[in-house]
Amino acid sequence: MLEQLAAFVLTCLVVVLVPGPDFALVLRNAARGPRAAAAAVAGIMVGNTFLAALAVLGVTALLGASEVLGTGIRIAGAAYLLYLGARALAEAFARNPMKDSLPAVPGPGRQPGGSSPFVQGMVSNLLNPKVAVFYLSLFPQFTVAPLPAFAQHALMAAIFLLIALAWYVLVLSGLRKVTGFLARPRTGRIVVGSSGAVLVGVGGTILTQTLVSA
């Protein structure tokens, strides 16, 4: 049991710490201020919790059994990442400096021309292929006997959520220390543009792989 738990914790650390679209989204919103970044993290954690609950109840496995539905979810996720990335690139290369169009420390409400950081974080996480693969492929590979199946899945889901939450708390703490640096117009353009490029790259890769394998 302890060996399985240790292996599972190590897997969770790898899944959480490897940068992906969620992290890029937090970084993009960090250029708007710590409250926007925190709102994006809150949305990501709500999405994580929802997916974890589905995995514990076995719904995720049922969804994964449908090839058509799985392909549709991957395409939707890729399209959303491409949309967010394109918007970020448009903002980064806008004619007006970011400090003239965006407040330095905005609230977590709606952003100009789009949904709130919270909604972006939640939807991005719900459609994040990395998280889906974790629950569909890696999650069932571990057993924590002698606990019953439901208790095993609940325990593993809780461990994953706690690790993810701890990681994002550390990320937010680090970002708060460089708020002034991120608030500079030139830095903001670089951060938003870089995160937008990452989102477009990840979304394009997912879409290409999905269409090729379909």
N, C-alpha and C. Protein backbone atom coordinates (compact mmCIF):
# COMPACT_ATOMS: atom_id res chain seq x y z
N MET A 1 0.83 -1.21 0.00
CA MET A 1 0.00 0.00 0.00
C MET A 1 0.86 1.26 0.00
N LEU A 2 1.89 1.31 0.87
CA LEU A 2 2.75 2.47 0.95
C LEU A 2 3.54 2.68 -0.34
N GLU A 3 3.96 1.58 -0.96
CA GLU A 3 4.70 1.69 -2.22
C GLU A 3 3.82 2.27 -3.32
N GLN A 4 2.57 1.81 -3.37
CA GLN A 4 1.63 2.32 -4.36
C GLN A 4 1.34 3.80 -4.13
N LEU A 5 1.17 4.17 -2.86
CA LEU A 5 0.92 5.58 -2.54
C LEU A 5 2.11 6.45 -2.92
N ALA A 6 3.31 5.97 -2.64
CA ALA A 6 4.51 6.74 -2.97
C ALA A 6 4.63 6.92 -4.49
N ALA A 7 4.36 5.85 -5.23
CA ALA A 7 4.42 5.93 -6.69
C ALA A 7 3.35 6.88 -7.22
N PHE A 8 2.18 6.85 -6.61
CA PHE A 8 1.09 7.72 -7.05
C PHE A 8 1.43 9.19 -6.77
N VAL A 9 1.97 9.46 -5.58
CA VAL A 9 2.35 10.83 -5.23
C VAL A 9 3.41 11.35 -6.20
N LEU A 10 4.38 10.51 -6.53
CA LEU A 10 5.42 10.91 -7.48
C LEU A 10 4.82 11.22 -8.85
N THR A 11 3.87 10.40 -9.29
CA THR A 11 3.19 10.64 -10.57
C THR A 11 2.42 11.95 -10.53
N CYS A 12 1.74 12.20 -9.42
CA CYS A 12 0.98 13.46 -9.27
C CYS A 12 1.90 14.66 -9.37
N LEU A 13 3.07 14.56 -8.73
CA LEU A 13 4.03 15.66 -8.76
C LEU A 13 4.47 15.96 -10.18
N VAL A 14 4.73 14.90 -10.95
CA VAL A 14 5.15 15.08 -12.34
C VAL A 14 4.04 15.74 -13.15
N VAL A 15 2.82 15.24 -12.99
CA VAL A 15 1.68 15.78 -13.75
C VAL A 15 1.44 17.24 -13.40
N VAL A 16 1.53 17.58 -12.12
CA VAL A 16 1.24 18.95 -11.68
C VAL A 16 2.36 19.92 -12.03
N LEU A 17 3.62 19.48 -11.85
CA LEU A 17 4.75 20.40 -12.00
C LEU A 17 5.13 20.65 -13.45
N VAL A 18 4.85 19.71 -14.35
CA VAL A 18 5.18 19.94 -15.76
C VAL A 18 4.28 21.05 -16.30
N PRO A 19 4.86 22.15 -16.80
CA PRO A 19 4.04 23.28 -17.28
C PRO A 19 3.12 22.85 -18.42
N GLY A 20 1.91 23.36 -18.38
CA GLY A 20 0.91 23.05 -19.40
C GLY A 20 0.04 24.27 -19.64
N PRO A 21 -1.08 24.10 -20.32
CA PRO A 21 -1.95 25.24 -20.63
C PRO A 21 -2.49 25.94 -19.39
N ASP A 22 -2.75 25.21 -18.31
CA ASP A 22 -3.24 25.85 -17.09
C ASP A 22 -2.21 26.83 -16.54
N PHE A 23 -0.96 26.40 -16.49
CA PHE A 23 0.11 27.26 -15.98
C PHE A 23 0.28 28.48 -16.89
N ALA A 24 0.22 28.27 -18.19
CA ALA A 24 0.34 29.38 -19.13
C ALA A 24 -0.78 30.39 -18.93
N LEU A 25 -1.97 29.89 -18.62
CA LEU A 25 -3.11 30.76 -18.40
C LEU A 25 -2.93 31.59 -17.12
N VAL A 26 -2.40 30.96 -16.06
CA VAL A 26 -2.13 31.69 -14.82
C VAL A 26 -1.09 32.77 -15.08
N LEU A 27 -0.05 32.43 -15.82
CA LEU A 27 1.01 33.38 -16.12
C LEU A 27 0.47 34.55 -16.94
N ARG A 28 -0.40 34.24 -17.88
CA ARG A 28 -0.99 35.30 -18.70
C ARG A 28 -1.78 36.27 -17.83
N ASN A 29 -2.59 35.74 -16.91
CA ASN A 29 -3.39 36.61 -16.05
C ASN A 29 -2.55 37.31 -15.00
N ALA A 30 -1.38 36.75 -14.68
CA ALA A 30 -0.50 37.39 -13.71
C ALA A 30 -0.03 38.75 -14.20
N ALA A 31 0.04 38.92 -15.52
CA ALA A 31 0.43 40.21 -16.07
C ALA A 31 -0.63 41.28 -15.79
N ARG A 32 -1.84 40.85 -15.43
CA ARG A 32 -2.92 41.78 -15.11
C ARG A 32 -2.97 42.10 -13.62
N GLY A 33 -2.29 41.31 -12.82
CA GLY A 33 -2.28 41.55 -11.39
C GLY A 33 -2.49 40.27 -10.61
N PRO A 34 -2.15 40.26 -9.32
CA PRO A 34 -2.26 39.05 -8.50
C PRO A 34 -3.69 38.56 -8.33
N ARG A 35 -4.66 39.47 -8.30
CA ARG A 35 -6.05 39.03 -8.11
C ARG A 35 -6.55 38.27 -9.33
N ALA A 36 -6.15 38.70 -10.52
CA ALA A 36 -6.55 37.98 -11.74
C ALA A 36 -5.91 36.60 -11.78
N ALA A 37 -4.63 36.52 -11.38
CA ALA A 37 -3.95 35.22 -11.34
C ALA A 37 -4.61 34.29 -10.33
N ALA A 38 -4.98 34.84 -9.15
CA ALA A 38 -5.64 34.04 -8.12
C ALA A 38 -7.00 33.56 -8.60
N ALA A 39 -7.72 34.41 -9.34
CA ALA A 39 -9.03 34.01 -9.87
C ALA A 39 -8.88 32.87 -10.88
N ALA A 40 -7.83 32.93 -11.71
CA ALA A 40 -7.59 31.86 -12.68
C ALA A 40 -7.26 30.56 -11.95
N VAL A 41 -6.46 30.64 -10.89
CA VAL A 41 -6.13 29.45 -10.11
C VAL A 41 -7.38 28.87 -9.45
N ALA A 42 -8.26 29.74 -8.94
CA ALA A 42 -9.51 29.27 -8.34
C ALA A 42 -10.35 28.51 -9.36
N GLY A 43 -10.42 29.03 -10.57
CA GLY A 43 -11.16 28.34 -11.62
C GLY A 43 -10.55 27.00 -11.97
N ILE A 44 -9.21 26.96 -12.03
CA ILE A 44 -8.51 25.70 -12.32
C ILE A 44 -8.80 24.66 -11.25
N MET A 45 -8.78 25.07 -9.98
CA MET A 45 -9.03 24.13 -8.89
C MET A 45 -10.47 23.66 -8.87
N VAL A 46 -11.42 24.52 -9.26
CA VAL A 46 -12.83 24.08 -9.36
C VAL A 46 -12.95 23.02 -10.45
N GLY A 47 -12.29 23.27 -11.60
CA GLY A 47 -12.30 22.28 -12.67
C GLY A 47 -11.66 20.98 -12.24
N ASN A 48 -10.53 21.09 -11.53
CA ASN A 48 -9.85 19.90 -11.01
C ASN A 48 -10.75 19.10 -10.08
N THR A 49 -11.43 19.81 -9.19
CA THR A 49 -12.31 19.15 -8.22
C THR A 49 -13.46 18.44 -8.92
N PHE A 50 -14.02 19.09 -9.93
CA PHE A 50 -15.13 18.50 -10.67
C PHE A 50 -14.68 17.23 -11.39
N LEU A 51 -13.53 17.29 -12.05
CA LEU A 51 -13.01 16.11 -12.75
C LEU A 51 -12.66 15.00 -11.78
N ALA A 52 -12.12 15.37 -10.62
CA ALA A 52 -11.78 14.37 -9.60
C ALA A 52 -13.04 13.66 -9.12
N ALA A 53 -14.12 14.43 -8.91
CA ALA A 53 -15.38 13.83 -8.47
C ALA A 53 -15.92 12.87 -9.53
N LEU A 54 -15.82 13.27 -10.80
CA LEU A 54 -16.27 12.39 -11.88
C LEU A 54 -15.45 11.10 -11.92
N ALA A 55 -14.13 11.24 -11.67
CA ALA A 55 -13.27 10.06 -11.69
C ALA A 55 -13.62 9.12 -10.55
N VAL A 56 -13.88 9.67 -9.37
CA VAL A 56 -14.23 8.85 -8.21
C VAL A 56 -15.53 8.11 -8.45
N LEU A 57 -16.47 8.78 -9.10
CA LEU A 57 -17.77 8.16 -9.37
C LEU A 57 -17.74 7.23 -10.58
N GLY A 58 -16.63 7.20 -11.29
CA GLY A 58 -16.50 6.32 -12.45
C GLY A 58 -17.03 6.90 -13.74
N VAL A 59 -17.48 8.15 -13.69
CA VAL A 59 -18.05 8.77 -14.90
C VAL A 59 -16.97 9.02 -15.94
N THR A 60 -15.78 9.40 -15.49
CA THR A 60 -14.69 9.69 -16.42
C THR A 60 -14.34 8.47 -17.26
N ALA A 61 -14.31 7.31 -16.62
CA ALA A 61 -13.98 6.08 -17.34
C ALA A 61 -15.05 5.78 -18.40
N LEU A 62 -16.31 6.02 -18.06
CA LEU A 62 -17.38 5.78 -19.02
C LEU A 62 -17.27 6.72 -20.22
N LEU A 63 -16.92 8.00 -19.94
CA LEU A 63 -16.75 8.96 -21.03
C LEU A 63 -15.56 8.58 -21.91
N GLY A 64 -14.50 8.09 -21.27
CA GLY A 64 -13.31 7.71 -22.02
C GLY A 64 -13.53 6.50 -22.91
N ALA A 65 -14.54 5.70 -22.60
CA ALA A 65 -14.82 4.52 -23.41
C ALA A 65 -15.43 4.88 -24.75
N SER A 66 -15.96 6.09 -24.89
CA SER A 66 -16.55 6.53 -26.15
C SER A 66 -15.50 7.25 -26.98
N GLU A 67 -15.13 6.64 -28.09
CA GLU A 67 -14.10 7.24 -28.95
C GLU A 67 -14.58 8.55 -29.55
N VAL A 68 -15.84 8.59 -29.97
CA VAL A 68 -16.39 9.80 -30.58
C VAL A 68 -16.41 10.95 -29.57
N LEU A 69 -16.89 10.65 -28.36
CA LEU A 69 -16.97 11.68 -27.34
C LEU A 69 -15.57 12.15 -26.93
N GLY A 70 -14.64 11.21 -26.81
CA GLY A 70 -13.27 11.57 -26.45
C GLY A 70 -12.64 12.48 -27.50
N THR A 71 -12.87 12.15 -28.77
CA THR A 71 -12.34 12.98 -29.86
C THR A 71 -12.96 14.37 -29.82
N GLY A 72 -14.26 14.42 -29.57
CA GLY A 72 -14.95 15.72 -29.50
C GLY A 72 -14.42 16.58 -28.38
N ILE A 73 -14.15 15.97 -27.23
CA ILE A 73 -13.63 16.73 -26.08
C ILE A 73 -12.23 17.26 -26.39
N ARG A 74 -11.39 16.43 -27.03
CA ARG A 74 -10.04 16.88 -27.37
C ARG A 74 -10.07 18.04 -28.37
N ILE A 75 -10.96 17.94 -29.36
CA ILE A 75 -11.07 19.01 -30.35
C ILE A 75 -11.58 20.29 -29.69
N ALA A 76 -12.56 20.17 -28.81
CA ALA A 76 -13.09 21.34 -28.11
C ALA A 76 -12.01 21.97 -27.24
N GLY A 77 -11.24 21.14 -26.55
CA GLY A 77 -10.16 21.66 -25.72
C GLY A 77 -9.11 22.37 -26.54
N ALA A 78 -8.73 21.77 -27.68
CA ALA A 78 -7.73 22.40 -28.55
C ALA A 78 -8.24 23.73 -29.10
N ALA A 79 -9.50 23.76 -29.50
CA ALA A 79 -10.08 24.99 -30.04
C ALA A 79 -10.10 26.09 -28.99
N TYR A 80 -10.43 25.74 -27.74
CA TYR A 80 -10.47 26.74 -26.69
C TYR A 80 -9.07 27.28 -26.39
N LEU A 81 -8.07 26.41 -26.38
CA LEU A 81 -6.70 26.86 -26.14
C LEU A 81 -6.23 27.76 -27.28
N LEU A 82 -6.58 27.41 -28.51
CA LEU A 82 -6.23 28.25 -29.66
C LEU A 82 -6.89 29.62 -29.54
N TYR A 83 -8.14 29.64 -29.10
CA TYR A 83 -8.86 30.90 -28.92
C TYR A 83 -8.19 31.78 -27.87
N LEU A 84 -7.88 31.19 -26.71
CA LEU A 84 -7.23 31.96 -25.64
C LEU A 84 -5.85 32.44 -26.08
N GLY A 85 -5.12 31.56 -26.76
CA GLY A 85 -3.79 31.94 -27.22
C GLY A 85 -3.83 33.06 -28.25
N ALA A 86 -4.77 32.98 -29.18
CA ALA A 86 -4.90 34.03 -30.19
C ALA A 86 -5.25 35.36 -29.55
N ARG A 87 -6.13 35.33 -28.57
CA ARG A 87 -6.49 36.56 -27.86
C ARG A 87 -5.30 37.15 -27.13
N ALA A 88 -4.51 36.29 -26.50
CA ALA A 88 -3.34 36.77 -25.77
C ALA A 88 -2.32 37.39 -26.74
N LEU A 89 -2.11 36.76 -27.88
CA LEU A 89 -1.18 37.32 -28.86
C LEU A 89 -1.69 38.64 -29.41
N ALA A 90 -3.00 38.73 -29.62
CA ALA A 90 -3.58 39.99 -30.10
C ALA A 90 -3.36 41.11 -29.08
N GLU A 91 -3.53 40.78 -27.79
CA GLU A 91 -3.31 41.78 -26.75
C GLU A 91 -1.83 42.18 -26.68
N ALA A 92 -0.95 41.20 -26.82
CA ALA A 92 0.48 41.48 -26.70
C ALA A 92 0.97 42.38 -27.83
N PHE A 93 0.39 42.23 -29.02
CA PHE A 93 0.82 43.02 -30.17
C PHE A 93 -0.13 44.16 -30.49
N ALA A 94 -1.01 44.49 -29.56
CA ALA A 94 -1.93 45.61 -29.77
C ALA A 94 -1.14 46.90 -29.89
N ARG A 95 -1.71 47.87 -30.61
CA ARG A 95 -1.01 49.12 -30.85
C ARG A 95 -0.84 49.92 -29.57
N ASN A 96 -1.88 49.93 -28.72
CA ASN A 96 -1.81 50.69 -27.48
C ASN A 96 -1.04 49.92 -26.43
N PRO A 97 -0.22 50.55 -25.62
CA PRO A 97 0.49 49.86 -24.54
C PRO A 97 -0.48 49.23 -23.59
N MET A 98 -0.12 48.10 -23.01
CA MET A 98 -1.01 47.38 -22.12
C MET A 98 -1.40 48.21 -20.91
N LYS A 99 -0.51 49.09 -20.44
CA LYS A 99 -0.84 49.86 -19.25
C LYS A 99 -1.94 50.87 -19.53
N ASP A 100 -2.15 51.23 -20.83
CA ASP A 100 -3.20 52.16 -21.17
C ASP A 100 -4.54 51.49 -21.29
N SER A 101 -4.56 50.18 -21.53
CA SER A 101 -5.82 49.47 -21.75
C SER A 101 -6.20 48.56 -20.61
N LEU A 102 -5.23 48.24 -19.73
CA LEU A 102 -5.49 47.31 -18.65
C LEU A 102 -5.05 47.90 -17.33
N PRO A 103 -5.85 47.73 -16.26
CA PRO A 103 -5.42 48.20 -14.97
C PRO A 103 -4.27 47.37 -14.44
N ALA A 104 -3.41 47.99 -13.63
CA ALA A 104 -2.24 47.28 -13.12
C ALA A 104 -2.63 46.16 -12.19
N VAL A 105 -3.63 46.38 -11.31
CA VAL A 105 -4.06 45.35 -10.37
C VAL A 105 -5.58 45.24 -10.44
N PRO A 106 -6.11 44.57 -11.44
CA PRO A 106 -7.55 44.51 -11.62
C PRO A 106 -8.19 43.51 -10.69
N GLY A 107 -9.48 43.60 -10.58
CA GLY A 107 -10.23 42.61 -9.82
C GLY A 107 -10.43 41.37 -10.65
N PRO A 108 -10.99 40.32 -10.06
CA PRO A 108 -11.15 39.06 -10.78
C PRO A 108 -12.40 39.02 -11.64
N GLY A 109 -12.94 40.20 -12.03
CA GLY A 109 -14.15 40.22 -12.84
C GLY A 109 -13.84 39.98 -14.30
N ARG A 110 -14.79 40.34 -15.16
CA ARG A 110 -14.62 40.11 -16.59
C ARG A 110 -13.47 40.95 -17.13
N GLN A 111 -12.72 40.37 -18.04
CA GLN A 111 -11.64 41.10 -18.69
C GLN A 111 -12.20 41.78 -19.92
N PRO A 112 -11.50 42.82 -20.41
CA PRO A 112 -11.94 43.46 -21.63
C PRO A 112 -12.01 42.46 -22.78
N GLY A 113 -13.17 42.33 -23.36
CA GLY A 113 -13.32 41.50 -24.54
C GLY A 113 -13.38 40.01 -24.28
N GLY A 114 -13.60 39.58 -23.04
CA GLY A 114 -13.64 38.14 -22.83
C GLY A 114 -14.16 37.78 -21.47
N SER A 115 -14.14 36.48 -21.18
CA SER A 115 -14.66 35.97 -19.92
C SER A 115 -13.69 36.26 -18.79
N SER A 116 -14.14 36.03 -17.57
CA SER A 116 -13.31 36.31 -16.40
C SER A 116 -12.17 35.31 -16.29
N PRO A 117 -11.10 35.65 -15.56
CA PRO A 117 -10.01 34.70 -15.35
C PRO A 117 -10.50 33.41 -14.70
N PHE A 118 -11.49 33.51 -13.80
CA PHE A 118 -12.02 32.32 -13.14
C PHE A 118 -12.64 31.37 -14.16
N VAL A 119 -13.47 31.90 -15.05
CA VAL A 119 -14.12 31.06 -16.07
C VAL A 119 -13.08 30.48 -17.02
N GLN A 120 -12.10 31.28 -17.42
CA GLN A 120 -11.04 30.79 -18.29
C GLN A 120 -10.30 29.62 -17.63
N GLY A 121 -9.95 29.79 -16.36
CA GLY A 121 -9.23 28.74 -15.66
C GLY A 121 -10.05 27.47 -15.54
N MET A 122 -11.33 27.60 -15.22
CA MET A 122 -12.19 26.44 -15.06
C MET A 122 -12.37 25.68 -16.38
N VAL A 123 -12.70 26.41 -17.44
CA VAL A 123 -12.93 25.77 -18.74
C VAL A 123 -11.64 25.16 -19.27
N SER A 124 -10.53 25.89 -19.11
CA SER A 124 -9.24 25.37 -19.57
C SER A 124 -8.90 24.06 -18.88
N ASN A 125 -9.15 24.00 -17.58
CA ASN A 125 -8.84 22.77 -16.85
C ASN A 125 -9.77 21.63 -17.23
N LEU A 126 -11.06 21.93 -17.39
CA LEU A 126 -12.02 20.89 -17.75
C LEU A 126 -11.70 20.27 -19.11
N LEU A 127 -11.10 21.08 -19.99
CA LEU A 127 -10.77 20.60 -21.32
C LEU A 127 -9.28 20.32 -21.49
N ASN A 128 -8.55 20.32 -20.37
CA ASN A 128 -7.11 20.10 -20.40
C ASN A 128 -6.80 18.62 -20.65
N PRO A 129 -6.20 18.29 -21.80
CA PRO A 129 -5.92 16.87 -22.10
C PRO A 129 -5.00 16.21 -21.09
N LYS A 130 -4.06 16.99 -20.52
CA LYS A 130 -3.12 16.42 -19.55
C LYS A 130 -3.87 15.87 -18.33
N VAL A 131 -4.85 16.63 -17.85
CA VAL A 131 -5.63 16.19 -16.70
C VAL A 131 -6.53 15.01 -17.09
N ALA A 132 -7.11 15.08 -18.29
CA ALA A 132 -7.98 13.99 -18.75
C ALA A 132 -7.20 12.68 -18.87
N VAL A 133 -5.98 12.78 -19.44
CA VAL A 133 -5.15 11.58 -19.57
C VAL A 133 -4.80 11.01 -18.21
N PHE A 134 -4.55 11.88 -17.24
CA PHE A 134 -4.21 11.43 -15.89
C PHE A 134 -5.35 10.61 -15.31
N TYR A 135 -6.56 11.11 -15.40
CA TYR A 135 -7.70 10.41 -14.80
C TYR A 135 -8.09 9.16 -15.59
N LEU A 136 -7.93 9.22 -16.91
CA LEU A 136 -8.36 8.10 -17.74
C LEU A 136 -7.31 6.99 -17.83
N SER A 137 -6.03 7.38 -17.90
CA SER A 137 -4.98 6.40 -18.15
C SER A 137 -4.17 6.04 -16.91
N LEU A 138 -3.74 7.06 -16.15
CA LEU A 138 -2.85 6.80 -15.02
C LEU A 138 -3.60 6.48 -13.74
N PHE A 139 -4.71 7.14 -13.52
CA PHE A 139 -5.48 6.97 -12.29
C PHE A 139 -5.81 5.50 -12.01
N PRO A 140 -6.31 4.74 -13.01
CA PRO A 140 -6.68 3.34 -12.73
C PRO A 140 -5.49 2.41 -12.53
N GLN A 141 -4.26 2.89 -12.78
CA GLN A 141 -3.09 2.02 -12.70
C GLN A 141 -2.63 1.77 -11.27
N PHE A 142 -3.19 2.52 -10.32
CA PHE A 142 -2.75 2.40 -8.94
C PHE A 142 -3.85 1.80 -8.07
N THR A 143 -3.45 0.98 -7.13
CA THR A 143 -4.39 0.39 -6.19
C THR A 143 -3.87 0.61 -4.78
N VAL A 144 -4.76 0.98 -3.89
CA VAL A 144 -4.39 1.21 -2.50
C VAL A 144 -5.15 0.20 -1.64
N ALA A 145 -4.80 -1.07 -1.81
CA ALA A 145 -5.43 -2.13 -1.03
C ALA A 145 -4.98 -1.99 0.43
N PRO A 146 -5.82 -2.41 1.38
CA PRO A 146 -7.08 -3.16 1.23
C PRO A 146 -8.33 -2.28 1.20
N LEU A 147 -8.18 -0.99 0.89
CA LEU A 147 -9.35 -0.11 0.84
C LEU A 147 -10.25 -0.53 -0.32
N PRO A 148 -11.56 -0.36 -0.19
CA PRO A 148 -12.47 -0.65 -1.30
C PRO A 148 -12.21 0.34 -2.45
N ALA A 149 -12.69 -0.01 -3.63
CA ALA A 149 -12.39 0.77 -4.84
C ALA A 149 -12.78 2.24 -4.70
N PHE A 150 -13.99 2.48 -4.18
CA PHE A 150 -14.46 3.86 -4.06
C PHE A 150 -13.55 4.66 -3.13
N ALA A 151 -13.18 4.07 -2.00
CA ALA A 151 -12.31 4.75 -1.05
C ALA A 151 -10.92 4.99 -1.64
N GLN A 152 -10.42 4.04 -2.42
CA GLN A 152 -9.12 4.20 -3.08
C GLN A 152 -9.14 5.41 -4.00
N HIS A 153 -10.15 5.48 -4.84
CA HIS A 153 -10.24 6.57 -5.81
C HIS A 153 -10.44 7.91 -5.11
N ALA A 154 -11.22 7.92 -4.04
CA ALA A 154 -11.44 9.16 -3.29
C ALA A 154 -10.14 9.63 -2.65
N LEU A 155 -9.36 8.71 -2.10
CA LEU A 155 -8.09 9.05 -1.48
C LEU A 155 -7.11 9.60 -2.51
N MET A 156 -7.02 8.93 -3.66
CA MET A 156 -6.09 9.39 -4.69
C MET A 156 -6.51 10.73 -5.25
N ALA A 157 -7.80 10.94 -5.41
CA ALA A 157 -8.29 12.23 -5.91
C ALA A 157 -7.94 13.34 -4.93
N ALA A 158 -8.11 13.07 -3.64
CA ALA A 158 -7.79 14.06 -2.61
C ALA A 158 -6.29 14.39 -2.61
N ILE A 159 -5.46 13.37 -2.78
CA ILE A 159 -4.02 13.59 -2.82
C ILE A 159 -3.65 14.47 -4.01
N PHE A 160 -4.21 14.16 -5.16
CA PHE A 160 -3.91 14.94 -6.37
C PHE A 160 -4.35 16.39 -6.19
N LEU A 161 -5.53 16.61 -5.64
CA LEU A 161 -6.04 17.97 -5.45
C LEU A 161 -5.18 18.75 -4.46
N LEU A 162 -4.75 18.10 -3.39
CA LEU A 162 -3.90 18.78 -2.41
C LEU A 162 -2.55 19.17 -3.00
N ILE A 163 -1.97 18.27 -3.81
CA ILE A 163 -0.69 18.57 -4.45
C ILE A 163 -0.85 19.73 -5.43
N ALA A 164 -1.93 19.69 -6.22
CA ALA A 164 -2.18 20.77 -7.18
C ALA A 164 -2.39 22.10 -6.46
N LEU A 165 -3.17 22.07 -5.37
CA LEU A 165 -3.43 23.29 -4.61
C LEU A 165 -2.13 23.85 -4.02
N ALA A 166 -1.31 22.98 -3.44
CA ALA A 166 -0.04 23.42 -2.85
C ALA A 166 0.86 24.05 -3.91
N TRP A 167 0.88 23.45 -5.11
CA TRP A 167 1.71 23.97 -6.19
C TRP A 167 1.26 25.37 -6.60
N TYR A 168 -0.04 25.54 -6.77
CA TYR A 168 -0.53 26.85 -7.22
C TYR A 168 -0.41 27.91 -6.13
N VAL A 169 -0.49 27.51 -4.87
CA VAL A 169 -0.24 28.47 -3.78
C VAL A 169 1.20 28.97 -3.86
N LEU A 170 2.14 28.05 -4.11
CA LEU A 170 3.54 28.45 -4.28
C LEU A 170 3.72 29.36 -5.49
N VAL A 171 3.03 29.02 -6.58
CA VAL A 171 3.12 29.84 -7.79
C VAL A 171 2.61 31.26 -7.52
N LEU A 172 1.45 31.36 -6.88
CA LEU A 172 0.88 32.68 -6.58
C LEU A 172 1.79 33.47 -5.63
N SER A 173 2.37 32.78 -4.66
CA SER A 173 3.29 33.46 -3.74
C SER A 173 4.49 34.02 -4.48
N GLY A 174 5.01 33.23 -5.41
CA GLY A 174 6.14 33.71 -6.20
C GLY A 174 5.77 34.87 -7.11
N LEU A 175 4.58 34.80 -7.70
CA LEU A 175 4.14 35.86 -8.61
C LEU A 175 3.92 37.16 -7.87
N ARG A 176 3.45 37.09 -6.63
CA ARG A 176 3.20 38.31 -5.86
C ARG A 176 4.50 39.08 -5.61
N LYS A 177 5.61 38.36 -5.55
CA LYS A 177 6.89 39.02 -5.30
C LYS A 177 7.40 39.78 -6.51
N VAL A 178 6.86 39.44 -7.68
CA VAL A 178 7.32 40.13 -8.90
C VAL A 178 6.18 40.89 -9.56
N THR A 179 5.17 41.29 -8.75
CA THR A 179 4.02 42.00 -9.29
C THR A 179 4.44 43.29 -9.99
N GLY A 180 5.33 44.05 -9.35
CA GLY A 180 5.78 45.30 -9.95
C GLY A 180 6.48 45.07 -11.28
N PHE A 181 7.28 44.02 -11.35
CA PHE A 181 7.98 43.70 -12.59
C PHE A 181 7.00 43.31 -13.69
N LEU A 182 6.00 42.49 -13.33
CA LEU A 182 5.02 42.05 -14.31
C LEU A 182 4.13 43.19 -14.78
N ALA A 183 3.97 44.22 -13.93
CA ALA A 183 3.08 45.33 -14.27
C ALA A 183 3.69 46.27 -15.30
N ARG A 184 5.00 46.16 -15.56
CA ARG A 184 5.62 47.01 -16.57
C ARG A 184 5.06 46.68 -17.95
N PRO A 185 4.74 47.69 -18.75
CA PRO A 185 4.13 47.45 -20.07
C PRO A 185 4.94 46.49 -20.93
N ARG A 186 6.25 46.68 -21.01
CA ARG A 186 7.08 45.82 -21.86
C ARG A 186 7.07 44.38 -21.34
N THR A 187 7.22 44.24 -20.01
CA THR A 187 7.19 42.90 -19.42
C THR A 187 5.84 42.24 -19.63
N GLY A 188 4.77 43.03 -19.45
CA GLY A 188 3.43 42.49 -19.65
C GLY A 188 3.23 41.97 -21.05
N ARG A 189 3.73 42.71 -22.04
CA ARG A 189 3.61 42.25 -23.42
C ARG A 189 4.35 40.92 -23.62
N ILE A 190 5.55 40.84 -23.05
CA ILE A 190 6.35 39.62 -23.22
C ILE A 190 5.67 38.42 -22.57
N VAL A 191 5.18 38.63 -21.33
CA VAL A 191 4.54 37.53 -20.60
C VAL A 191 3.27 37.08 -21.30
N VAL A 192 2.41 38.04 -21.67
CA VAL A 192 1.15 37.70 -22.32
C VAL A 192 1.42 37.07 -23.69
N GLY A 193 2.37 37.63 -24.44
CA GLY A 193 2.69 37.08 -25.76
C GLY A 193 3.28 35.68 -25.67
N SER A 194 4.18 35.47 -24.70
CA SER A 194 4.79 34.14 -24.54
C SER A 194 3.76 33.10 -24.13
N SER A 195 2.91 33.45 -23.16
CA SER A 195 1.88 32.50 -22.73
C SER A 195 0.88 32.24 -23.86
N GLY A 196 0.59 33.28 -24.64
CA GLY A 196 -0.30 33.08 -25.79
C GLY A 196 0.30 32.13 -26.81
N ALA A 197 1.61 32.27 -27.05
CA ALA A 197 2.30 31.36 -27.99
C ALA A 197 2.26 29.93 -27.49
N VAL A 198 2.44 29.75 -26.17
CA VAL A 198 2.37 28.41 -25.59
C VAL A 198 0.98 27.82 -25.77
N LEU A 199 -0.05 28.62 -25.49
CA LEU A 199 -1.43 28.14 -25.62
C LEU A 199 -1.74 27.75 -27.07
N VAL A 200 -1.30 28.58 -28.00
CA VAL A 200 -1.52 28.27 -29.43
C VAL A 200 -0.75 27.01 -29.82
N GLY A 201 0.49 26.89 -29.33
CA GLY A 201 1.29 25.72 -29.67
C GLY A 201 0.69 24.43 -29.13
N VAL A 202 0.25 24.46 -27.86
CA VAL A 202 -0.36 23.27 -27.26
C VAL A 202 -1.68 22.94 -27.96
N GLY A 203 -2.51 23.97 -28.18
CA GLY A 203 -3.78 23.72 -28.85
C GLY A 203 -3.61 23.20 -30.25
N GLY A 204 -2.66 23.76 -31.00
CA GLY A 204 -2.41 23.30 -32.36
C GLY A 204 -1.89 21.87 -32.40
N THR A 205 -1.03 21.53 -31.46
CA THR A 205 -0.49 20.17 -31.40
C THR A 205 -1.59 19.16 -31.09
N ILE A 206 -2.43 19.49 -30.12
CA ILE A 206 -3.53 18.60 -29.74
C ILE A 206 -4.49 18.41 -30.91
N LEU A 207 -4.82 19.52 -31.57
CA LEU A 207 -5.76 19.45 -32.69
C LEU A 207 -5.20 18.62 -33.84
N THR A 208 -3.91 18.84 -34.15
CA THR A 208 -3.29 18.08 -35.25
C THR A 208 -3.25 16.58 -34.94
N GLN A 209 -2.81 16.25 -33.71
CA GLN A 209 -2.74 14.84 -33.33
C GLN A 209 -4.11 14.19 -33.34
N THR A 210 -5.12 14.93 -32.89
CA THR A 210 -6.48 14.37 -32.85
C THR A 210 -7.01 14.12 -34.23
N LEU A 211 -6.83 15.08 -35.14
CA LEU A 211 -7.33 14.92 -36.50
C LEU A 211 -6.59 13.83 -37.26
N VAL A 212 -5.29 13.71 -37.01
CA VAL A 212 -4.51 12.67 -37.69
C VAL A 212 -4.91 11.29 -37.23
N SER A 213 -5.18 11.14 -35.93
CA SER A 213 -5.53 9.83 -35.39
C SER A 213 -7.00 9.49 -35.56
N ALA A 214 -7.81 10.46 -35.96
CA ALA A 214 -9.26 10.22 -36.11
C ALA A 214 -9.55 9.34 -37.31
